[in-house]
Amino acid sequence: MAIIVNLDMMLAKRKMTSLELSQRIDLTPANLSILKTGKAKAIRMSTLEAICRELKCQPGDLLEYVEDDNPWKR
């Protein structure tokens, strides 16, 4: 996976639970969990905006690009 989701880290920094965030941004806890674990295939800009608003952070604080070390894997 080339995109790492650092949502757990930001939640810990803000001393907020996943459940609290999911309620604040009107997202089911299950869908937030999918996002947190990196299993999401996409994220709506409105969802990213809501997360950033509630956590008072930038998108780059949540998402990190890590180069894949296997050039043949596509």
N, C-alpha and C. Protein backbone atom coordinates (compact mmCIF):
# COMPACT_ATOMS: atom_id res chain seq x y z
N MET A 1 0.85 -1.17 0.00
CA MET A 1 0.00 0.00 0.00
C MET A 1 0.89 1.24 0.00
N ALA A 2 0.61 2.18 -0.85
CA ALA A 2 1.45 3.36 -0.97
C ALA A 2 0.94 4.53 -0.13
N ILE A 3 -0.34 4.56 0.21
CA ILE A 3 -0.88 5.63 1.02
C ILE A 3 -1.16 5.09 2.42
N ILE A 4 -0.55 5.72 3.41
CA ILE A 4 -0.73 5.34 4.80
C ILE A 4 -1.68 6.34 5.45
N VAL A 5 -2.66 5.83 6.19
CA VAL A 5 -3.62 6.69 6.89
C VAL A 5 -3.20 6.78 8.35
N ASN A 6 -2.89 8.00 8.79
CA ASN A 6 -2.42 8.24 10.15
C ASN A 6 -3.54 8.79 11.05
N LEU A 7 -4.73 8.33 10.85
CA LEU A 7 -5.87 8.83 11.60
C LEU A 7 -5.78 8.47 13.09
N ASP A 8 -5.34 7.27 13.41
CA ASP A 8 -5.20 6.86 14.81
C ASP A 8 -4.24 7.79 15.57
N MET A 9 -3.15 8.13 14.91
CA MET A 9 -2.16 9.00 15.52
C MET A 9 -2.76 10.39 15.81
N MET A 10 -3.51 10.92 14.86
CA MET A 10 -4.11 12.24 15.04
C MET A 10 -5.20 12.21 16.10
N LEU A 11 -5.98 11.13 16.14
CA LEU A 11 -6.99 10.98 17.19
C LEU A 11 -6.33 10.97 18.57
N ALA A 12 -5.23 10.27 18.70
CA ALA A 12 -4.53 10.22 19.98
C ALA A 12 -3.99 11.59 20.36
N LYS A 13 -3.44 12.32 19.39
CA LYS A 13 -2.93 13.66 19.67
C LYS A 13 -4.03 14.59 20.15
N ARG A 14 -5.22 14.42 19.61
CA ARG A 14 -6.35 15.29 19.96
C ARG A 14 -7.17 14.74 21.12
N LYS A 15 -6.74 13.58 21.64
CA LYS A 15 -7.44 12.92 22.76
C LYS A 15 -8.93 12.75 22.45
N MET A 16 -9.19 12.18 21.26
CA MET A 16 -10.55 11.95 20.80
C MET A 16 -10.69 10.49 20.41
N THR A 17 -11.85 9.91 20.70
CA THR A 17 -12.09 8.52 20.32
C THR A 17 -12.64 8.46 18.89
N SER A 18 -12.52 7.29 18.31
CA SER A 18 -13.09 7.07 16.97
C SER A 18 -14.60 7.28 16.99
N LEU A 19 -15.23 6.82 18.04
CA LEU A 19 -16.69 6.96 18.14
C LEU A 19 -17.08 8.44 18.20
N GLU A 20 -16.36 9.21 18.97
CA GLU A 20 -16.65 10.65 19.06
C GLU A 20 -16.49 11.32 17.70
N LEU A 21 -15.41 11.00 17.00
CA LEU A 21 -15.19 11.58 15.68
C LEU A 21 -16.28 11.16 14.72
N SER A 22 -16.63 9.89 14.72
CA SER A 22 -17.65 9.41 13.78
C SER A 22 -18.98 10.12 14.02
N GLN A 23 -19.31 10.38 15.28
CA GLN A 23 -20.55 11.11 15.59
C GLN A 23 -20.46 12.56 15.13
N ARG A 24 -19.32 13.19 15.31
CA ARG A 24 -19.15 14.59 14.94
C ARG A 24 -19.22 14.81 13.44
N ILE A 25 -18.74 13.83 12.68
CA ILE A 25 -18.72 14.02 11.22
C ILE A 25 -19.82 13.25 10.51
N ASP A 26 -20.71 12.62 11.29
CA ASP A 26 -21.85 11.89 10.73
C ASP A 26 -21.40 10.78 9.78
N LEU A 27 -20.49 9.94 10.28
CA LEU A 27 -19.98 8.79 9.54
C LEU A 27 -20.14 7.59 10.45
N THR A 28 -20.53 6.46 9.91
CA THR A 28 -20.70 5.29 10.77
C THR A 28 -19.35 4.86 11.34
N PRO A 29 -19.34 4.33 12.56
CA PRO A 29 -18.08 3.83 13.13
C PRO A 29 -17.43 2.77 12.23
N ALA A 30 -18.25 1.96 11.57
CA ALA A 30 -17.69 0.93 10.67
C ALA A 30 -16.95 1.56 9.50
N ASN A 31 -17.53 2.60 8.91
CA ASN A 31 -16.86 3.26 7.78
C ASN A 31 -15.61 4.01 8.23
N LEU A 32 -15.63 4.58 9.42
CA LEU A 32 -14.44 5.24 9.94
C LEU A 32 -13.35 4.21 10.19
N SER A 33 -13.72 3.03 10.66
CA SER A 33 -12.76 1.96 10.89
C SER A 33 -12.11 1.51 9.58
N ILE A 34 -12.90 1.41 8.54
CA ILE A 34 -12.37 1.03 7.22
C ILE A 34 -11.34 2.06 6.77
N LEU A 35 -11.63 3.32 7.00
CA LEU A 35 -10.70 4.39 6.64
C LEU A 35 -9.43 4.30 7.50
N LYS A 36 -9.60 4.12 8.80
CA LYS A 36 -8.46 4.07 9.71
C LYS A 36 -7.51 2.93 9.41
N THR A 37 -8.05 1.80 9.00
CA THR A 37 -7.20 0.62 8.74
C THR A 37 -6.57 0.64 7.36
N GLY A 38 -6.89 1.65 6.56
CA GLY A 38 -6.31 1.75 5.23
C GLY A 38 -6.98 0.85 4.21
N LYS A 39 -8.14 0.31 4.54
CA LYS A 39 -8.84 -0.59 3.63
C LYS A 39 -9.76 0.16 2.66
N ALA A 40 -9.94 1.46 2.88
CA ALA A 40 -10.80 2.26 2.00
C ALA A 40 -10.12 2.43 0.65
N LYS A 41 -10.89 2.34 -0.41
CA LYS A 41 -10.37 2.54 -1.76
C LYS A 41 -10.41 4.01 -2.17
N ALA A 42 -11.25 4.78 -1.47
CA ALA A 42 -11.39 6.20 -1.78
C ALA A 42 -11.95 6.91 -0.56
N ILE A 43 -11.83 8.23 -0.58
CA ILE A 43 -12.42 9.05 0.48
C ILE A 43 -13.03 10.28 -0.18
N ARG A 44 -14.23 10.61 0.21
CA ARG A 44 -14.87 11.81 -0.33
C ARG A 44 -14.16 13.04 0.23
N MET A 45 -14.06 14.05 -0.61
CA MET A 45 -13.44 15.29 -0.17
C MET A 45 -14.22 15.89 1.00
N SER A 46 -15.53 15.76 1.00
CA SER A 46 -16.34 16.30 2.09
C SER A 46 -16.04 15.58 3.41
N THR A 47 -15.76 14.27 3.34
CA THR A 47 -15.41 13.51 4.53
C THR A 47 -14.04 13.92 5.04
N LEU A 48 -13.09 14.07 4.12
CA LEU A 48 -11.74 14.51 4.50
C LEU A 48 -11.80 15.90 5.11
N GLU A 49 -12.61 16.77 4.52
CA GLU A 49 -12.77 18.13 5.04
C GLU A 49 -13.35 18.09 6.46
N ALA A 50 -14.35 17.26 6.69
CA ALA A 50 -14.98 17.16 8.01
C ALA A 50 -14.00 16.63 9.05
N ILE A 51 -13.22 15.63 8.67
CA ILE A 51 -12.22 15.08 9.59
C ILE A 51 -11.20 16.15 9.95
N CYS A 52 -10.71 16.87 8.95
CA CYS A 52 -9.72 17.92 9.20
C CYS A 52 -10.31 19.03 10.06
N ARG A 53 -11.56 19.37 9.83
CA ARG A 53 -12.21 20.41 10.62
C ARG A 53 -12.28 20.00 12.09
N GLU A 54 -12.74 18.78 12.35
CA GLU A 54 -12.91 18.32 13.72
C GLU A 54 -11.59 18.07 14.45
N LEU A 55 -10.59 17.60 13.71
CA LEU A 55 -9.30 17.32 14.33
C LEU A 55 -8.35 18.51 14.25
N LYS A 56 -8.81 19.59 13.59
CA LYS A 56 -8.00 20.80 13.43
C LYS A 56 -6.61 20.45 12.88
N CYS A 57 -6.64 19.82 11.70
CA CYS A 57 -5.40 19.40 11.06
C CYS A 57 -5.50 19.59 9.55
N GLN A 58 -4.43 19.29 8.88
CA GLN A 58 -4.35 19.36 7.43
C GLN A 58 -4.44 17.94 6.85
N PRO A 59 -4.89 17.81 5.59
CA PRO A 59 -4.95 16.47 4.97
C PRO A 59 -3.61 15.73 5.04
N GLY A 60 -2.52 16.46 4.91
CA GLY A 60 -1.19 15.85 4.98
C GLY A 60 -0.85 15.29 6.35
N ASP A 61 -1.57 15.73 7.39
CA ASP A 61 -1.37 15.16 8.72
C ASP A 61 -2.00 13.77 8.82
N LEU A 62 -2.96 13.50 7.95
CA LEU A 62 -3.71 12.24 7.97
C LEU A 62 -3.22 11.23 6.96
N LEU A 63 -2.75 11.72 5.82
CA LEU A 63 -2.37 10.84 4.71
C LEU A 63 -0.89 10.98 4.40
N GLU A 64 -0.23 9.85 4.19
CA GLU A 64 1.20 9.84 3.93
C GLU A 64 1.49 8.90 2.76
N TYR A 65 2.27 9.37 1.81
CA TYR A 65 2.67 8.54 0.67
C TYR A 65 3.99 7.85 1.01
N VAL A 66 4.01 6.53 0.88
CA VAL A 66 5.22 5.75 1.09
C VAL A 66 5.47 4.96 -0.18
N GLU A 67 6.65 5.15 -0.74
CA GLU A 67 6.98 4.49 -2.00
C GLU A 67 7.02 2.98 -1.81
N ASP A 68 6.39 2.28 -2.76
CA ASP A 68 6.35 0.82 -2.73
C ASP A 68 7.75 0.30 -3.07
N ASP A 69 8.29 -0.60 -2.24
CA ASP A 69 9.64 -1.11 -2.46
C ASP A 69 9.71 -2.23 -3.49
N ASN A 70 8.58 -2.66 -4.03
CA ASN A 70 8.59 -3.70 -5.06
C ASN A 70 8.13 -3.06 -6.38
N PRO A 71 9.08 -2.76 -7.28
CA PRO A 71 8.72 -2.08 -8.54
C PRO A 71 7.87 -2.94 -9.47
N TRP A 72 7.82 -4.25 -9.27
CA TRP A 72 7.06 -5.14 -10.16
C TRP A 72 5.63 -5.30 -9.70
N LYS A 73 5.33 -4.88 -8.50
CA LYS A 73 3.97 -4.99 -7.97
C LYS A 73 3.16 -3.80 -8.43
N ARG A 74 2.13 -4.05 -9.22
CA ARG A 74 1.29 -2.95 -9.73
C ARG A 74 -0.15 -3.36 -9.65
